Amino acid sequence: MVRYDDVCFIRFLDRAAVVTSEDNTDKVKNDNTPPNPWRLCAVTQVEEVKCILRLLPIWLCTILYSVVFTQMASLFVEQGAAMQTNISTFHIPAASMSSFDILSVAAFIFIYRRVLDPFVARLKDNKKGLTELQRMGIGLVIAIMSMVSAGLVELFRLKYAKKDCVTCKNSSSLSIFWQIPQYVLVGASEVFMYVGQLEFFNSQAPDGLKSFGSALCMTSISLGNYVSSLLVTMIMKISTSDDLPGWIPGNLNKGHLDRFYFLLAALTTADLLVYIVCAKWYTYIKFEGKGSGESA
């Protein structure tokens, strides 16, 4: 059985492992009756619950990143469809631009493993290089950059748009290839955020609950989709009036998608600040017989 170093966090949970006079009375009545698990828990169980609870602040900070990631399959495509998608007679589907995200992920995994990680390891004189929390923080920074890039592209798309065209397609003369930077930045952020997140939750989850770490990652992604839908609905409710079509109307030339991207950048910046506080507060769990981690 693996023992954990004492987790100094929400100490009132320790009372679950304290034997009371009532527990002793029950034991005297029937020695063969196991203790009620709702009244008395093993110390290891209490420490495992503490380990899980300590992960939740970090987990909450990753949800907003998933909101940013979700835009790649939704608003990025809508934005691309309203741009110049033809090269001579060849048509480029807006959804196919996500291939640059895949290429970016492959490239940045190689760059991180072969270049950045060894360089940081030599710089810190520590063969581990960047910690998982540091990598997740870098992922949030790159996510902010991707939203700023998307917002700037939208500003220029609107500048070259045919604003009086209500029904026409590809109503902006700005090439769809201007979207490449925002897709590349999202791909780079995935390498740092999602890979670091999975490794962090798996390494810090108790041995008996390793699958819970993977579940936290998947839950973060799924909640990001729901929060994104909720945010879009709220923005449209607030920004739409009788004479204003809102930020994200059916015809993007009549709206201000750029403001939505900049809003996401601002929200992610606030999330990053909260994340830094949580990461500074977090101390890596030390396992008996294993090397200890380091704080962010």
C-alpha atoms as a PDB file:
ATOM      1  CA  MET A   1       0.000   0.000   0.000  1.00  0.00           C
ATOM      2  CA  VAL A   2       1.290   3.439  -0.943  1.00  0.00           C
ATOM      3  CA  ARG A   3       1.366   6.013   1.830  1.00  0.00           C
ATOM      4  CA  TYR A   4       1.163   9.714   1.061  1.00  0.00           C
ATOM      5  CA  ASP A   5       2.963  12.418   2.936  1.00  0.00           C
ATOM      6  CA  ASP A   6       0.530  14.379   5.042  1.00  0.00           C
ATOM      7  CA  VAL A   7      -1.472  16.709   2.841  1.00  0.00           C
ATOM      8  CA  CYS A   8      -1.916  19.882   4.903  1.00  0.00           C
ATOM      9  CA  PHE A   9      -5.224  20.926   3.415  1.00  0.00           C
ATOM     10  CA  ILE A  10      -8.792  21.161   4.759  1.00  0.00           C
ATOM     11  CA  ARG A  11      -7.830  19.499   8.007  1.00  0.00           C
ATOM     12  CA  PHE A  12     -11.443  19.008   9.135  1.00  0.00           C
ATOM     13  CA  LEU A  13     -11.531  15.933   6.865  1.00  0.00           C
ATOM     14  CA  ASP A  14      -9.066  14.286   9.267  1.00  0.00           C
ATOM     15  CA  ARG A  15     -11.954  13.723  11.672  1.00  0.00           C
ATOM     16  CA  ALA A  16     -13.253  11.028   9.317  1.00  0.00           C
ATOM     17  CA  ALA A  17     -10.310   8.835  10.391  1.00  0.00           C
ATOM     18  CA  VAL A  18     -10.653   9.491  14.141  1.00  0.00           C
ATOM     19  CA  VAL A  19     -12.089   6.602  16.170  1.00  0.00           C
ATOM     20  CA  THR A  20     -14.859   7.866  18.464  1.00  0.00           C
ATOM     21  CA  SER A  21     -16.426   6.312  21.564  1.00  0.00           C
ATOM     22  CA  GLU A  22     -19.419   5.280  19.458  1.00  0.00           C
ATOM     23  CA  ASP A  23     -17.142   3.372  17.093  1.00  0.00           C
ATOM     24  CA  ASN A  24     -15.576   1.577  20.085  1.00  0.00           C
ATOM     25  CA  THR A  25     -19.040   0.700  21.434  1.00  0.00           C
ATOM     26  CA  ASP A  26     -20.059  -0.817  18.102  1.00  0.00           C
ATOM     27  CA  LYS A  27     -16.847  -2.828  18.034  1.00  0.00           C
ATOM     28  CA  VAL A  28     -17.491  -4.253  21.513  1.00  0.00           C
ATOM     29  CA  LYS A  29     -21.016  -5.309  20.536  1.00  0.00           C
ATOM     30  CA  ASN A  30     -19.878  -7.318  17.530  1.00  0.00           C
ATOM     31  CA  ASP A  31     -16.210  -7.862  16.757  1.00  0.00           C
ATOM     32  CA  ASN A  32     -17.066  -9.316  13.339  1.00  0.00           C
ATOM     33  CA  THR A  33     -18.931  -6.233  12.110  1.00  0.00           C
ATOM     34  CA  PRO A  34     -16.763  -4.022   9.883  1.00  0.00           C
ATOM     35  CA  PRO A  35     -16.789  -0.301  10.717  1.00  0.00           C
ATOM     36  CA  ASN A  36     -19.383   1.822   8.963  1.00  0.00           C
ATOM     37  CA  PRO A  37     -17.504   3.486   6.046  1.00  0.00           C
ATOM     38  CA  TRP A  38     -19.752   6.556   6.393  1.00  0.00           C
ATOM     39  CA  ARG A  39     -18.534   7.006   9.988  1.00  0.00           C
ATOM     40  CA  LEU A  40     -14.933   5.801   9.948  1.00  0.00           C
ATOM     41  CA  CYS A  41     -12.432   5.874   7.072  1.00  0.00           C
ATOM     42  CA  ALA A  42      -8.833   4.791   6.717  1.00  0.00           C
ATOM     43  CA  VAL A  43      -6.225   7.557   6.827  1.00  0.00           C
ATOM     44  CA  THR A  44      -5.229   6.694   3.251  1.00  0.00           C
ATOM     45  CA  GLN A  45      -8.785   7.306   2.062  1.00  0.00           C
ATOM     46  CA  VAL A  46      -8.836  10.726   3.715  1.00  0.00           C
ATOM     47  CA  GLU A  47      -5.503  11.670   2.135  1.00  0.00           C
ATOM     48  CA  GLU A  48      -6.757  10.518  -1.288  1.00  0.00           C
ATOM     49  CA  VAL A  49      -9.815  12.770  -0.992  1.00  0.00           C
ATOM     50  CA  LYS A  50      -7.533  15.675  -0.091  1.00  0.00           C
ATOM     51  CA  CYS A  51      -5.372  14.944  -3.137  1.00  0.00           C
ATOM     52  CA  ILE A  52      -8.419  15.108  -5.409  1.00  0.00           C
ATOM     53  CA  LEU A  53      -9.740  18.328  -3.837  1.00  0.00           C
ATOM     54  CA  ARG A  54      -6.354  20.008  -4.283  1.00  0.00           C
ATOM     55  CA  LEU A  55      -6.560  19.350  -8.037  1.00  0.00           C
ATOM     56  CA  LEU A  56      -9.915  21.100  -8.486  1.00  0.00           C
ATOM     57  CA  PRO A  57      -8.688  24.757  -8.540  1.00  0.00           C
ATOM     58  CA  ILE A  58      -6.182  23.877 -11.280  1.00  0.00           C
ATOM     59  CA  TRP A  59      -8.886  21.942 -13.137  1.00  0.00           C
ATOM     60  CA  LEU A  60     -11.320  24.872 -13.015  1.00  0.00           C
ATOM     61  CA  CYS A  61      -8.692  27.122 -14.603  1.00  0.00           C
ATOM     62  CA  THR A  62      -8.385  24.769 -17.599  1.00  0.00           C
ATOM     63  CA  ILE A  63     -12.066  25.015 -18.583  1.00  0.00           C
ATOM     64  CA  LEU A  64     -11.716  28.474 -20.134  1.00  0.00           C
ATOM     65  CA  TYR A  65      -8.825  27.209 -22.247  1.00  0.00           C
ATOM     66  CA  SER A  66     -11.204  24.596 -23.679  1.00  0.00           C
ATOM     67  CA  VAL A  67     -13.583  27.454 -24.560  1.00  0.00           C
ATOM     68  CA  VAL A  68     -10.793  28.948 -26.688  1.00  0.00           C
ATOM     69  CA  PHE A  69     -10.018  25.563 -28.231  1.00  0.00           C
ATOM     70  CA  THR A  70     -13.691  25.081 -29.151  1.00  0.00           C
ATOM     71  CA  GLN A  71     -13.668  28.190 -31.362  1.00  0.00           C
ATOM     72  CA  MET A  72     -11.439  26.379 -33.845  1.00  0.00           C
ATOM     73  CA  ALA A  73     -14.300  24.067 -34.847  1.00  0.00           C
ATOM     74  CA  SER A  74     -17.004  26.730 -34.747  1.00  0.00           C
ATOM     75  CA  LEU A  75     -16.355  30.453 -35.174  1.00  0.00           C
ATOM     76  CA  PHE A  76     -13.014  29.999 -36.935  1.00  0.00           C
ATOM     77  CA  VAL A  77     -14.879  28.073 -39.646  1.00  0.00           C
ATOM     78  CA  GLU A  78     -17.610  30.733 -39.874  1.00  0.00           C
ATOM     79  CA  GLN A  79     -14.966  33.414 -40.138  1.00  0.00           C
ATOM     80  CA  GLY A  80     -13.085  31.515 -42.845  1.00  0.00           C
ATOM     81  CA  ALA A  81     -16.258  30.956 -44.871  1.00  0.00           C
ATOM     82  CA  ALA A  82     -16.726  34.749 -45.040  1.00  0.00           C
ATOM     83  CA  MET A  83     -13.231  35.265 -46.493  1.00  0.00           C
ATOM     84  CA  GLN A  84     -11.725  34.755 -49.935  1.00  0.00           C
ATOM     85  CA  THR A  85     -11.584  30.961 -50.254  1.00  0.00           C
ATOM     86  CA  ASN A  86     -10.663  30.624 -53.932  1.00  0.00           C
ATOM     87  CA  ILE A  87      -7.240  30.337 -55.510  1.00  0.00           C
ATOM     88  CA  SER A  88      -7.923  30.684 -59.214  1.00  0.00           C
ATOM     89  CA  THR A  89     -10.528  27.953 -59.809  1.00  0.00           C
ATOM     90  CA  PHE A  90      -9.598  25.932 -56.716  1.00  0.00           C
ATOM     91  CA  HIS A  91     -11.919  26.245 -53.713  1.00  0.00           C
ATOM     92  CA  ILE A  92     -10.546  25.842 -50.166  1.00  0.00           C
ATOM     93  CA  PRO A  93     -13.184  24.633 -47.665  1.00  0.00           C
ATOM     94  CA  ALA A  94     -13.073  26.752 -44.511  1.00  0.00           C
ATOM     95  CA  ALA A  95     -13.122  23.648 -42.294  1.00  0.00           C
ATOM     96  CA  SER A  96      -9.980  22.296 -43.992  1.00  0.00           C
ATOM     97  CA  MET A  97      -7.916  25.039 -42.356  1.00  0.00           C
ATOM     98  CA  SER A  98      -7.867  22.909 -39.193  1.00  0.00           C
ATOM     99  CA  SER A  99      -5.162  20.860 -40.932  1.00  0.00           C
ATOM    100  CA  PHE A 100      -2.770  23.658 -39.952  1.00  0.00           C
ATOM    101  CA  ASP A 101      -3.671  22.944 -36.328  1.00  0.00           C
ATOM    102  CA  ILE A 102      -2.703  19.286 -36.790  1.00  0.00           C
ATOM    103  CA  LEU A 103       0.561  20.228 -38.493  1.00  0.00           C
ATOM    104  CA  SER A 104       1.266  22.723 -35.714  1.00  0.00           C
ATOM    105  CA  VAL A 105       0.725  20.091 -33.010  1.00  0.00           C
ATOM    106  CA  ALA A 106       3.117  17.682 -34.753  1.00  0.00           C
ATOM    107  CA  ALA A 107       5.750  20.390 -35.252  1.00  0.00           C
ATOM    108  CA  PHE A 108       5.596  21.792 -31.725  1.00  0.00           C
ATOM    109  CA  ILE A 109       5.721  18.354 -30.097  1.00  0.00           C
ATOM    110  CA  PHE A 110       8.994  17.782 -31.954  1.00  0.00           C
ATOM    111  CA  ILE A 111      10.287  21.286 -31.083  1.00  0.00           C
ATOM    112  CA  TYR A 112       9.345  20.890 -27.421  1.00  0.00           C
ATOM    113  CA  ARG A 113      10.820  17.410 -26.970  1.00  0.00           C
ATOM    114  CA  ARG A 114      13.987  17.953 -28.999  1.00  0.00           C
ATOM    115  CA  VAL A 115      14.775  21.635 -28.476  1.00  0.00           C
ATOM    116  CA  LEU A 116      12.875  23.467 -25.742  1.00  0.00           C
ATOM    117  CA  ASP A 117      12.759  20.795 -23.031  1.00  0.00           C
ATOM    118  CA  PRO A 118      16.511  19.914 -23.207  1.00  0.00           C
ATOM    119  CA  PHE A 119      17.372  23.634 -23.273  1.00  0.00           C
ATOM    120  CA  VAL A 120      15.272  24.387 -20.166  1.00  0.00           C
ATOM    121  CA  ALA A 121      16.677  21.289 -18.435  1.00  0.00           C
ATOM    122  CA  ARG A 122      20.234  22.555 -18.950  1.00  0.00           C
ATOM    123  CA  LEU A 123      19.196  26.056 -17.907  1.00  0.00           C
ATOM    124  CA  LYS A 124      17.603  24.824 -14.659  1.00  0.00           C
ATOM    125  CA  ASP A 125      20.204  22.088 -14.103  1.00  0.00           C
ATOM    126  CA  ASN A 126      17.271  19.711 -13.752  1.00  0.00           C
ATOM    127  CA  LYS A 127      16.710  16.888 -16.223  1.00  0.00           C
ATOM    128  CA  LYS A 128      12.930  17.225 -15.907  1.00  0.00           C
ATOM    129  CA  GLY A 129      12.823  20.633 -17.609  1.00  0.00           C
ATOM    130  CA  LEU A 130       9.498  22.462 -17.422  1.00  0.00           C
ATOM    131  CA  THR A 131       7.014  21.209 -14.847  1.00  0.00           C
ATOM    132  CA  GLU A 132       3.493  20.279 -15.909  1.00  0.00           C
ATOM    133  CA  LEU A 133       2.069  23.410 -14.271  1.00  0.00           C
ATOM    134  CA  GLN A 134       4.542  25.637 -16.110  1.00  0.00           C
ATOM    135  CA  ARG A 135       3.645  24.014 -19.424  1.00  0.00           C
ATOM    136  CA  MET A 136      -0.060  24.554 -18.779  1.00  0.00           C
ATOM    137  CA  GLY A 137       0.621  28.224 -18.020  1.00  0.00           C
ATOM    138  CA  ILE A 138       2.512  28.593 -21.305  1.00  0.00           C
ATOM    139  CA  GLY A 139      -0.459  26.977 -23.052  1.00  0.00           C
ATOM    140  CA  LEU A 140      -2.766  29.650 -21.633  1.00  0.00           C
ATOM    141  CA  VAL A 141      -0.423  32.432 -22.798  1.00  0.00           C
ATOM    142  CA  ILE A 142      -0.363  31.035 -26.347  1.00  0.00           C
ATOM    143  CA  ALA A 143      -4.170  30.664 -26.265  1.00  0.00           C
ATOM    144  CA  ILE A 144      -4.439  34.397 -25.502  1.00  0.00           C
ATOM    145  CA  MET A 145      -2.179  35.117 -28.475  1.00  0.00           C
ATOM    146  CA  SER A 146      -4.379  32.982 -30.737  1.00  0.00           C
ATOM    147  CA  MET A 147      -7.501  34.940 -29.767  1.00  0.00           C
ATOM    148  CA  VAL A 148      -5.733  38.268 -30.321  1.00  0.00           C
ATOM    149  CA  SER A 149      -4.570  37.009 -33.727  1.00  0.00           C
ATOM    150  CA  ALA A 150      -8.114  35.908 -34.634  1.00  0.00           C
ATOM    151  CA  GLY A 151      -9.478  39.287 -33.544  1.00  0.00           C
ATOM    152  CA  LEU A 152      -6.954  41.198 -35.661  1.00  0.00           C
ATOM    153  CA  VAL A 153      -7.716  39.024 -38.697  1.00  0.00           C
ATOM    154  CA  GLU A 154     -11.422  39.736 -38.213  1.00  0.00           C
ATOM    155  CA  LEU A 155     -10.731  43.485 -38.058  1.00  0.00           C
ATOM    156  CA  PHE A 156      -8.982  43.327 -41.432  1.00  0.00           C
ATOM    157  CA  ARG A 157     -11.629  40.968 -42.840  1.00  0.00           C
ATOM    158  CA  LEU A 158     -14.302  43.538 -42.002  1.00  0.00           C
ATOM    159  CA  LYS A 159     -12.159  46.275 -43.542  1.00  0.00           C
ATOM    160  CA  TYR A 160     -12.169  44.460 -46.892  1.00  0.00           C
ATOM    161  CA  ALA A 161     -15.740  43.170 -46.633  1.00  0.00           C
ATOM    162  CA  LYS A 162     -18.686  44.090 -48.838  1.00  0.00           C
ATOM    163  CA  LYS A 163     -20.829  45.419 -46.033  1.00  0.00           C
ATOM    164  CA  ASP A 164     -23.897  46.007 -48.210  1.00  0.00           C
ATOM    165  CA  CYS A 165     -23.896  42.391 -49.376  1.00  0.00           C
ATOM    166  CA  VAL A 166     -26.495  40.520 -47.325  1.00  0.00           C
ATOM    167  CA  THR A 167     -26.643  37.126 -49.025  1.00  0.00           C
ATOM    168  CA  CYS A 168     -23.385  36.772 -50.960  1.00  0.00           C
ATOM    169  CA  LYS A 169     -20.707  34.275 -49.962  1.00  0.00           C
ATOM    170  CA  ASN A 170     -16.999  35.000 -49.533  1.00  0.00           C
ATOM    171  CA  SER A 171     -17.928  38.663 -49.154  1.00  0.00           C
ATOM    172  CA  SER A 172     -14.454  39.764 -48.039  1.00  0.00           C
ATOM    173  CA  SER A 173     -11.469  39.976 -50.344  1.00  0.00           C
ATOM    174  CA  LEU A 174      -9.094  39.025 -47.508  1.00  0.00           C
ATOM    175  CA  SER A 175      -7.546  35.607 -48.156  1.00  0.00           C
ATOM    176  CA  ILE A 176      -8.475  32.721 -45.869  1.00  0.00           C
ATOM    177  CA  PHE A 177      -4.756  31.994 -45.456  1.00  0.00           C
ATOM    178  CA  TRP A 178      -4.585  34.911 -43.012  1.00  0.00           C
ATOM    179  CA  GLN A 179      -6.194  32.485 -40.564  1.00  0.00           C
ATOM    180  CA  ILE A 180      -3.093  30.292 -40.495  1.00  0.00           C
ATOM    181  CA  PRO A 181      -1.452  32.080 -37.496  1.00  0.00           C
ATOM    182  CA  GLN A 182      -4.482  31.592 -35.235  1.00  0.00           C
ATOM    183  CA  TYR A 183      -4.710  27.882 -36.127  1.00  0.00           C
ATOM    184  CA  VAL A 184      -0.962  27.428 -35.593  1.00  0.00           C
ATOM    185  CA  LEU A 185      -1.127  29.169 -32.208  1.00  0.00           C
ATOM    186  CA  VAL A 186      -4.048  27.002 -31.062  1.00  0.00           C
ATOM    187  CA  GLY A 187      -2.068  23.906 -32.083  1.00  0.00           C
ATOM    188  CA  ALA A 188       0.986  25.125 -30.165  1.00  0.00           C
ATOM    189  CA  SER A 189      -1.132  25.793 -27.080  1.00  0.00           C
ATOM    190  CA  GLU A 190      -2.532  22.240 -27.234  1.00  0.00           C
ATOM    191  CA  VAL A 191       0.962  20.787 -26.959  1.00  0.00           C
ATOM    192  CA  PHE A 192       1.602  22.682 -23.742  1.00  0.00           C
ATOM    193  CA  MET A 193      -1.881  22.664 -22.195  1.00  0.00           C
ATOM    194  CA  TYR A 194      -3.489  19.312 -22.999  1.00  0.00           C
ATOM    195  CA  VAL A 195      -0.322  17.206 -22.809  1.00  0.00           C
ATOM    196  CA  GLY A 196       0.784  18.950 -19.609  1.00  0.00           C
ATOM    197  CA  GLN A 197      -2.727  18.715 -18.175  1.00  0.00           C
ATOM    198  CA  LEU A 198      -2.991  14.974 -18.799  1.00  0.00           C
ATOM    199  CA  GLU A 199       0.447  14.288 -17.321  1.00  0.00           C
ATOM    200  CA  PHE A 200      -0.259  16.531 -14.318  1.00  0.00           C
ATOM    201  CA  PHE A 201      -3.596  14.991 -13.362  1.00  0.00           C
ATOM    202  CA  ASN A 202      -2.344  11.441 -13.916  1.00  0.00           C
ATOM    203  CA  SER A 203       0.790  12.004 -11.834  1.00  0.00           C
ATOM    204  CA  GLN A 204      -1.001  13.814  -9.001  1.00  0.00           C
ATOM    205  CA  ALA A 205      -4.070  11.588  -8.744  1.00  0.00           C
ATOM    206  CA  PRO A 206      -3.893   8.916  -6.001  1.00  0.00           C
ATOM    207  CA  ASP A 207      -2.720   5.472  -7.116  1.00  0.00           C
ATOM    208  CA  GLY A 208      -6.178   4.008  -6.624  1.00  0.00           C
ATOM    209  CA  LEU A 209      -7.802   6.766  -8.704  1.00  0.00           C
ATOM    210  CA  LYS A 210      -5.485   7.170 -11.687  1.00  0.00           C
ATOM    211  CA  SER A 211      -8.413   7.012 -14.119  1.00  0.00           C
ATOM    212  CA  PHE A 212      -9.880  10.024 -12.301  1.00  0.00           C
ATOM    213  CA  GLY A 213      -7.013  12.147 -13.632  1.00  0.00           C
ATOM    214  CA  SER A 214      -7.912  11.299 -17.233  1.00  0.00           C
ATOM    215  CA  ALA A 215     -11.576  11.922 -16.427  1.00  0.00           C
ATOM    216  CA  LEU A 216     -10.735  15.448 -15.234  1.00  0.00           C
ATOM    217  CA  CYS A 217      -9.083  16.198 -18.586  1.00  0.00           C
ATOM    218  CA  MET A 218     -12.057  14.943 -20.589  1.00  0.00           C
ATOM    219  CA  THR A 219     -14.501  16.793 -18.340  1.00  0.00           C
ATOM    220  CA  SER A 220     -12.564  20.025 -18.846  1.00  0.00           C
ATOM    221  CA  ILE A 221     -12.902  19.689 -22.629  1.00  0.00           C
ATOM    222  CA  SER A 222     -16.613  18.852 -22.513  1.00  0.00           C
ATOM    223  CA  LEU A 223     -17.417  21.686 -20.103  1.00  0.00           C
ATOM    224  CA  GLY A 224     -15.498  24.034 -22.386  1.00  0.00           C
ATOM    225  CA  ASN A 225     -17.991  23.260 -25.158  1.00  0.00           C
ATOM    226  CA  TYR A 226     -20.952  23.983 -22.894  1.00  0.00           C
ATOM    227  CA  VAL A 227     -19.424  27.190 -21.539  1.00  0.00           C
ATOM    228  CA  SER A 228     -18.659  28.327 -25.094  1.00  0.00           C
ATOM    229  CA  SER A 229     -22.293  27.809 -26.145  1.00  0.00           C
ATOM    230  CA  LEU A 230     -23.488  29.626 -23.029  1.00  0.00           C
ATOM    231  CA  LEU A 231     -21.093  32.519 -23.633  1.00  0.00           C
ATOM    232  CA  VAL A 232     -22.171  32.935 -27.278  1.00  0.00           C
ATOM    233  CA  THR A 233     -25.844  32.885 -26.242  1.00  0.00           C
ATOM    234  CA  MET A 234     -25.256  35.487 -23.527  1.00  0.00           C
ATOM    235  CA  ILE A 235     -23.259  37.757 -25.849  1.00  0.00           C
ATOM    236  CA  MET A 236     -25.973  37.612 -28.515  1.00  0.00           C
ATOM    237  CA  LYS A 237     -28.675  38.353 -25.927  1.00  0.00           C
ATOM    238  CA  ILE A 238     -26.773  41.358 -24.592  1.00  0.00           C
ATOM    239  CA  SER A 239     -25.470  42.764 -27.891  1.00  0.00           C
ATOM    240  CA  THR A 240     -28.632  42.310 -29.991  1.00  0.00           C
ATOM    241  CA  SER A 241     -31.269  45.035 -30.105  1.00  0.00           C
ATOM    242  CA  ASP A 242     -33.866  46.338 -32.581  1.00  0.00           C
ATOM    243  CA  ASP A 243     -31.324  48.282 -34.608  1.00  0.00           C
ATOM    244  CA  LEU A 244     -28.205  46.199 -33.850  1.00  0.00           C
ATOM    245  CA  PRO A 245     -27.710  42.624 -35.157  1.00  0.00           C
ATOM    246  CA  GLY A 246     -25.322  41.667 -32.334  1.00  0.00           C
ATOM    247  CA  TRP A 247     -21.697  40.618 -32.361  1.00  0.00           C
ATOM    248  CA  ILE A 248     -22.199  37.253 -34.085  1.00  0.00           C
ATOM    249  CA  PRO A 249     -25.091  37.540 -36.575  1.00  0.00           C
ATOM    250  CA  GLY A 250     -25.735  35.236 -39.519  1.00  0.00           C
ATOM    251  CA  ASN A 251     -24.000  37.745 -41.778  1.00  0.00           C
ATOM    252  CA  LEU A 252     -20.663  38.375 -40.052  1.00  0.00           C
ATOM    253  CA  ASN A 253     -20.180  41.579 -42.050  1.00  0.00           C
ATOM    254  CA  LYS A 254     -22.964  43.131 -39.990  1.00  0.00           C
ATOM    255  CA  GLY A 255     -21.496  42.028 -36.671  1.00  0.00           C
ATOM    256  CA  HIS A 256     -18.363  42.353 -34.555  1.00  0.00           C
ATOM    257  CA  LEU A 257     -16.845  38.911 -34.210  1.00  0.00           C
ATOM    258  CA  ASP A 258     -13.548  40.655 -33.464  1.00  0.00           C
ATOM    259  CA  ARG A 259     -14.987  41.940 -30.187  1.00  0.00           C
ATOM    260  CA  PHE A 260     -15.930  38.403 -29.173  1.00  0.00           C
ATOM    261  CA  TYR A 261     -12.379  37.195 -29.844  1.00  0.00           C
ATOM    262  CA  PHE A 262     -10.915  40.080 -27.844  1.00  0.00           C
ATOM    263  CA  LEU A 263     -13.381  39.340 -25.029  1.00  0.00           C
ATOM    264  CA  LEU A 264     -12.158  35.736 -24.965  1.00  0.00           C
ATOM    265  CA  ALA A 265      -8.567  37.002 -24.872  1.00  0.00           C
ATOM    266  CA  ALA A 266      -9.429  39.210 -21.882  1.00  0.00           C
ATOM    267  CA  LEU A 267     -11.246  36.390 -20.067  1.00  0.00           C
ATOM    268  CA  THR A 268      -8.337  34.020 -20.699  1.00  0.00           C
ATOM    269  CA  THR A 269      -5.920  36.650 -19.370  1.00  0.00           C
ATOM    270  CA  ALA A 270      -7.958  36.887 -16.162  1.00  0.00           C
ATOM    271  CA  ASP A 271      -8.028  33.087 -16.036  1.00  0.00           C
ATOM    272  CA  LEU A 272      -4.239  33.033 -16.430  1.00  0.00           C
ATOM    273  CA  LEU A 273      -3.817  35.354 -13.435  1.00  0.00           C
ATOM    274  CA  VAL A 274      -6.028  33.114 -11.294  1.00  0.00           C
ATOM    275  CA  TYR A 275      -4.141  30.074 -12.589  1.00  0.00           C
ATOM    276  CA  ILE A 276      -0.779  31.580 -11.598  1.00  0.00           C
ATOM    277  CA  VAL A 277      -2.059  32.079  -8.039  1.00  0.00           C
ATOM    278  CA  CYS A 278      -3.371  28.494  -7.896  1.00  0.00           C
ATOM    279  CA  ALA A 279      -0.163  27.082  -9.386  1.00  0.00           C
ATOM    280  CA  LYS A 280       1.986  29.014  -6.893  1.00  0.00           C
ATOM    281  CA  TRP A 281      -0.184  27.724  -4.045  1.00  0.00           C
ATOM    282  CA  TYR A 282      -0.065  24.125  -5.267  1.00  0.00           C
ATOM    283  CA  THR A 283       2.678  21.861  -3.930  1.00  0.00           C
ATOM    284  CA  TYR A 284       3.328  18.613  -5.755  1.00  0.00           C
ATOM    285  CA  ILE A 285       2.227  15.544  -3.827  1.00  0.00           C
ATOM    286  CA  LYS A 286       5.135  13.463  -2.549  1.00  0.00           C
ATOM    287  CA  PHE A 287       4.786   9.701  -2.747  1.00  0.00           C
ATOM    288  CA  GLU A 288       6.664   7.389  -0.421  1.00  0.00           C
ATOM    289  CA  GLY A 289       9.522   5.731  -2.250  1.00  0.00           C
ATOM    290  CA  LYS A 290       9.335   8.127  -5.220  1.00  0.00           C
ATOM    291  CA  GLY A 291      11.155  11.320  -6.082  1.00  0.00           C
ATOM    292  CA  SER A 292       9.237  14.403  -5.139  1.00  0.00           C
ATOM    293  CA  GLY A 293       8.048  16.944  -7.652  1.00  0.00           C
ATOM    294  CA  GLU A 294       8.513  20.657  -7.443  1.00  0.00           C
ATOM    295  CA  SER A 295       6.084  23.501  -7.162  1.00  0.00           C
ATOM    296  CA  ALA A 296       5.316  25.679 -10.159  1.00  0.00           C
END
